[in-house]
Protein backbone atom coordinates (compact mmCIF):
# COMPACT_ATOMS: atom_id res chain seq x y z
CA MET A 1 -10.89 7.43 -55.82
CA ASN A 2 -7.32 8.17 -56.71
CA GLN A 3 -5.14 5.12 -57.07
CA PRO A 4 -1.37 5.08 -56.48
CA THR A 5 0.43 5.90 -59.68
CA ALA A 6 3.15 3.80 -61.23
CA VAL A 7 6.59 4.80 -60.02
CA PRO A 8 9.40 5.11 -62.57
CA SER A 9 12.68 3.40 -61.84
CA SER A 10 14.64 6.59 -61.24
CA ALA A 11 13.73 10.07 -60.01
CA PRO A 12 14.10 13.18 -62.18
CA ASN A 13 16.33 16.17 -61.54
CA GLY A 14 19.12 14.19 -59.95
CA ASP A 15 17.07 13.24 -56.89
CA GLU A 16 18.47 10.72 -54.40
CA PRO A 17 17.65 7.05 -55.09
CA SER A 18 13.91 6.87 -55.75
CA ALA A 19 13.12 4.11 -53.25
CA ALA A 20 14.73 6.02 -50.36
CA THR A 21 12.65 9.15 -51.00
CA ARG A 22 9.47 7.13 -51.43
CA ASP A 23 10.00 5.15 -48.22
CA ARG A 24 10.79 8.29 -46.25
CA LEU A 25 7.61 9.99 -47.50
CA LEU A 26 5.58 6.93 -46.48
CA ASP A 27 7.17 6.78 -43.02
CA VAL A 28 6.59 10.47 -42.33
CA ALA A 29 3.06 10.49 -43.81
CA GLU A 30 2.03 7.52 -41.66
CA ARG A 31 3.33 9.19 -38.51
CA LEU A 32 1.80 12.60 -39.22
CA PHE A 33 -1.51 11.20 -40.44
CA ALA A 34 -1.77 9.20 -37.20
CA GLN A 35 -0.79 12.14 -34.97
CA ARG A 36 -2.64 15.02 -36.63
CA GLY A 37 -5.27 13.44 -38.86
CA ILE A 38 -5.33 12.91 -42.61
CA ASP A 39 -7.10 16.11 -43.63
CA ALA A 40 -5.22 18.22 -41.06
CA THR A 41 -1.83 17.10 -42.38
CA SER A 42 -0.66 19.11 -45.36
CA LEU A 43 1.60 17.80 -48.07
CA ARG A 44 4.02 20.58 -47.19
CA ALA A 45 4.24 19.31 -43.60
CA ILE A 46 4.99 15.82 -44.91
CA THR A 47 7.62 16.92 -47.41
CA THR A 48 9.29 19.25 -44.91
CA ALA A 49 9.59 16.50 -42.30
CA ALA A 50 10.74 14.04 -44.97
CA GLU A 51 13.28 16.52 -46.36
CA ALA A 52 11.73 16.21 -49.81
CA ASN A 53 9.93 18.60 -52.15
CA LEU A 54 6.28 18.76 -53.18
CA ALA A 55 7.12 17.50 -56.65
CA SER A 56 8.35 14.26 -55.10
CA VAL A 57 4.84 13.47 -53.81
CA ASN A 58 3.37 13.94 -57.28
CA TYR A 59 6.19 11.93 -58.77
CA HIS A 60 5.87 8.97 -56.42
CA PHE A 61 2.13 8.99 -55.63
CA GLY A 62 0.20 11.58 -57.62
CA SER A 63 -1.86 13.08 -54.77
CA LYS A 64 -2.32 13.10 -51.00
CA ASP A 65 -5.18 10.60 -51.23
CA ALA A 66 -2.99 8.25 -53.24
CA LEU A 67 -0.22 8.69 -50.66
CA PHE A 68 -2.69 7.82 -47.89
CA LEU A 69 -3.87 4.75 -49.82
CA GLU A 70 -0.27 3.61 -50.21
CA VAL A 71 0.38 4.13 -46.48
CA LEU A 72 -2.55 1.79 -45.81
CA ALA A 73 -1.51 -0.72 -48.46
CA ARG A 74 2.04 -0.95 -47.12
CA ARG A 75 0.74 -2.15 -43.73
CA ILE A 76 -2.39 -4.03 -44.79
CA ALA A 77 -1.06 -5.94 -47.82
CA PRO A 78 1.22 -8.22 -45.72
CA ILE A 79 -1.66 -8.90 -43.30
CA ASN A 80 -3.98 -9.80 -46.16
CA ALA A 81 -1.37 -12.01 -47.80
CA GLU A 82 -0.97 -13.90 -44.53
CA ARG A 83 -4.76 -14.19 -44.16
CA LEU A 84 -5.03 -15.77 -47.60
CA ARG A 85 -2.08 -18.07 -46.91
CA LEU A 86 -3.59 -19.29 -43.63
CA LEU A 87 -6.99 -19.83 -45.25
CA SER A 88 -5.45 -21.85 -48.09
CA GLU A 89 -3.49 -23.86 -45.56
CA ALA A 90 -6.62 -24.55 -43.50
CA GLU A 91 -8.52 -25.66 -46.61
CA LYS A 92 -5.65 -27.94 -47.61
CA GLN A 93 -5.42 -29.51 -44.16
CA ALA A 94 -9.18 -30.08 -44.08
CA GLY A 95 -9.22 -31.52 -47.57
CA GLY A 96 -11.97 -29.09 -48.53
CA ILE A 97 -14.10 -27.20 -46.00
CA PRO A 98 -12.15 -26.23 -42.86
CA PRO A 99 -13.76 -25.78 -39.45
CA LEU A 100 -15.31 -22.36 -38.87
CA GLU A 101 -12.78 -21.63 -36.14
CA SER A 102 -9.91 -22.20 -38.57
CA ILE A 103 -11.41 -19.73 -41.04
CA LEU A 104 -11.78 -17.15 -38.29
CA ASN A 105 -8.25 -17.77 -37.07
CA ALA A 106 -6.95 -17.13 -40.59
CA PHE A 107 -8.75 -13.80 -40.67
CA PHE A 108 -8.02 -12.60 -37.13
CA ALA A 109 -4.52 -13.85 -36.30
CA PRO A 110 -2.49 -11.70 -38.74
CA ALA A 111 -4.29 -8.50 -37.68
CA LEU A 112 -3.96 -9.24 -33.98
CA SER A 113 -0.26 -9.90 -34.45
CA LEU A 114 0.08 -6.30 -35.67
CA TYR A 115 -2.02 -5.11 -32.73
CA ALA A 116 0.28 -6.94 -30.31
CA GLN A 117 3.32 -5.03 -31.57
CA LYS A 118 4.34 -2.42 -29.02
CA ASP A 119 6.79 -0.60 -31.32
CA GLU A 120 6.12 2.74 -32.99
CA ASP A 121 5.01 1.12 -36.26
CA GLY A 122 2.30 -0.84 -34.47
CA LYS A 123 1.10 2.18 -32.49
CA SER A 124 1.13 4.40 -35.57
CA ILE A 125 -0.98 2.14 -37.76
CA MET A 126 -3.49 1.53 -34.95
CA SER A 127 -3.88 5.30 -34.44
CA LEU A 128 -4.32 5.66 -38.17
CA MET A 129 -7.09 3.05 -38.20
CA GLY A 130 -8.91 5.02 -35.53
CA ARG A 131 -8.64 8.15 -37.67
CA LEU A 132 -10.76 6.51 -40.34
CA TYR A 133 -13.84 6.98 -38.15
CA THR A 134 -13.21 10.54 -36.96
CA GLU A 135 -12.01 12.40 -40.04
CA PRO A 136 -14.22 14.96 -41.81
CA ARG A 137 -14.06 12.73 -44.91
CA ALA A 138 -14.54 9.53 -42.91
CA ASP A 139 -16.92 7.90 -45.40
CA GLU A 140 -14.53 8.43 -48.30
CA LEU A 141 -11.49 7.30 -46.32
CA LYS A 142 -13.26 4.15 -45.09
CA LYS A 143 -14.02 3.24 -48.70
CA MET A 144 -10.31 3.58 -49.46
CA PHE A 145 -9.56 1.31 -46.53
CA PHE A 146 -12.09 -1.35 -47.52
CA SER A 147 -10.77 -1.31 -51.08
CA GLN A 148 -7.72 -2.97 -49.55
CA LEU A 149 -9.91 -5.84 -48.29
CA ARG A 150 -11.62 -6.67 -51.57
CA GLU A 151 -9.54 -9.76 -52.42
CA VAL A 152 -9.76 -11.04 -48.84
CA LEU A 153 -13.55 -10.71 -48.77
CA GLN A 154 -13.81 -12.51 -52.11
CA ARG A 155 -12.11 -15.51 -50.48
CA PHE A 156 -13.48 -15.43 -46.96
CA ILE A 157 -17.19 -14.87 -47.64
CA PRO A 158 -17.44 -18.00 -49.87
CA ALA A 159 -15.37 -19.96 -47.33
CA LEU A 160 -17.81 -18.98 -44.58
CA LYS A 161 -20.76 -19.86 -46.83
CA ARG A 162 -19.34 -23.36 -47.38
CA ALA A 163 -18.81 -23.78 -43.63
CA LEU A 164 -22.34 -22.50 -42.89
CA PRO A 165 -24.48 -23.81 -45.77
CA GLU A 166 -27.71 -23.28 -43.82
CA LEU A 167 -27.28 -19.50 -44.02
CA GLU A 168 -28.07 -17.27 -46.98
CA GLN A 169 -25.13 -15.32 -48.34
CA SER A 170 -26.71 -12.03 -47.27
CA GLU A 171 -26.90 -13.39 -43.71
CA ILE A 172 -23.23 -14.38 -43.89
CA ILE A 173 -22.31 -10.87 -44.98
CA TRP A 174 -24.33 -9.27 -42.19
CA ARG A 175 -22.72 -11.48 -39.57
CA PHE A 176 -19.22 -11.08 -40.94
CA PHE A 177 -19.73 -7.32 -40.81
CA PHE A 178 -20.36 -7.64 -37.06
CA VAL A 179 -17.41 -10.02 -36.71
CA VAL A 180 -15.08 -7.45 -38.28
CA GLY A 181 -16.55 -4.84 -35.95
CA SER A 182 -15.73 -6.99 -32.93
CA MET A 183 -12.13 -7.29 -34.08
CA ALA A 184 -11.90 -3.54 -34.71
CA HIS A 185 -13.30 -2.82 -31.25
CA LEU A 186 -10.75 -5.11 -29.62
CA MET A 187 -7.91 -3.48 -31.51
CA SER A 188 -9.04 0.12 -30.98
CA ALA A 189 -10.39 -0.06 -27.42
CA GLY A 190 -8.83 -3.17 -25.93
CA ASP A 191 -7.03 -1.10 -23.30
CA VAL A 192 -10.42 -0.24 -21.77
CA LEU A 193 -11.08 -3.90 -20.94
CA SER A 194 -8.79 -4.00 -17.91
CA PHE A 195 -10.31 -0.82 -16.49
CA ALA A 196 -13.90 -1.94 -17.14
CA SER A 197 -13.30 -5.35 -15.52
CA ASN A 198 -11.25 -4.04 -12.57
CA GLY A 199 -8.26 -5.94 -13.88
CA LEU A 200 -10.06 -9.26 -14.24
CA CYS A 201 -9.63 -9.26 -18.02
CA THR A 202 -6.82 -7.80 -20.13
CA VAL A 203 -5.62 -7.98 -23.73
CA GLU A 204 -1.98 -8.44 -22.73
CA ASP A 205 -2.07 -12.11 -23.74
CA ASN A 206 -2.55 -11.91 -27.50
CA GLU A 207 -3.25 -15.62 -27.92
CA LYS A 208 -5.95 -15.54 -25.25
CA SER A 209 -7.52 -12.47 -26.88
CA LEU A 210 -7.50 -14.29 -30.22
CA GLN A 211 -9.22 -17.36 -28.79
CA HIS A 212 -11.91 -15.27 -27.05
CA LEU A 213 -12.56 -13.40 -30.30
CA ILE A 214 -12.77 -16.64 -32.31
CA ALA A 215 -15.16 -18.26 -29.81
CA PHE A 216 -17.44 -15.21 -29.68
CA SER A 217 -17.48 -14.78 -33.45
CA ALA A 218 -18.07 -18.47 -34.16
CA ALA A 219 -21.07 -18.47 -31.82
CA GLY A 220 -22.55 -15.46 -33.56
CA LEU A 221 -21.99 -16.92 -37.02
CA ARG A 222 -23.57 -20.22 -35.98
CA ALA A 223 -26.72 -18.63 -34.54
CA PRO A 224 -29.99 -19.78 -36.14
CA PRO A 225 -30.99 -17.94 -39.32
CA THR A 226 -32.59 -14.57 -38.69
CA GLU A 227 -36.36 -14.67 -39.00
CA PRO A 228 -37.92 -12.06 -41.30
CA VAL A 229 -39.41 -9.15 -39.34
């Protein structure tokens, strides 16, 4: 996997301020990746829309995959930082092992806050998340995405294990996998809920959606250990 390359402090050949070019490339790449797909979007399309040249992509990122990874990181890193902050805060308030619901809140709330945004940034990143499952290189792209979650998983899996000591770690991982899937389904297909329930249920109230997701996930995580088949 290509990783984003280090960016020098100033661009060569008298380019405009480096940060401005880099930010514009990220903005345009995010929009075009979401609209057209990652593989279907050429670097030339990105640089043309960003009023930059192809050399600027190599200079700032090194490759299209590295550009895509940086597009993800720019949106996901603040969410992950908030997840870790909320988990640390919950552990501090509990004086050790926080309630399961507090751990789940720390994981879900920052992501659902992004989902609740109705601006173009929120719509763009949600469309981009959906692309991870439909692209020709979906498996490779999903690995890039989950590389952004490594630090979070290293904190949350042990926290869940401490809150659920009766479960083996492998069981925790299985269940957390389904928990993440429930969150992804809410964020990618939440608009279907109102239609499917004839308007009885909607995701318009973000706090209510969060509490439903926490309650459902906590019940699944607390289920008795799975018996060997």
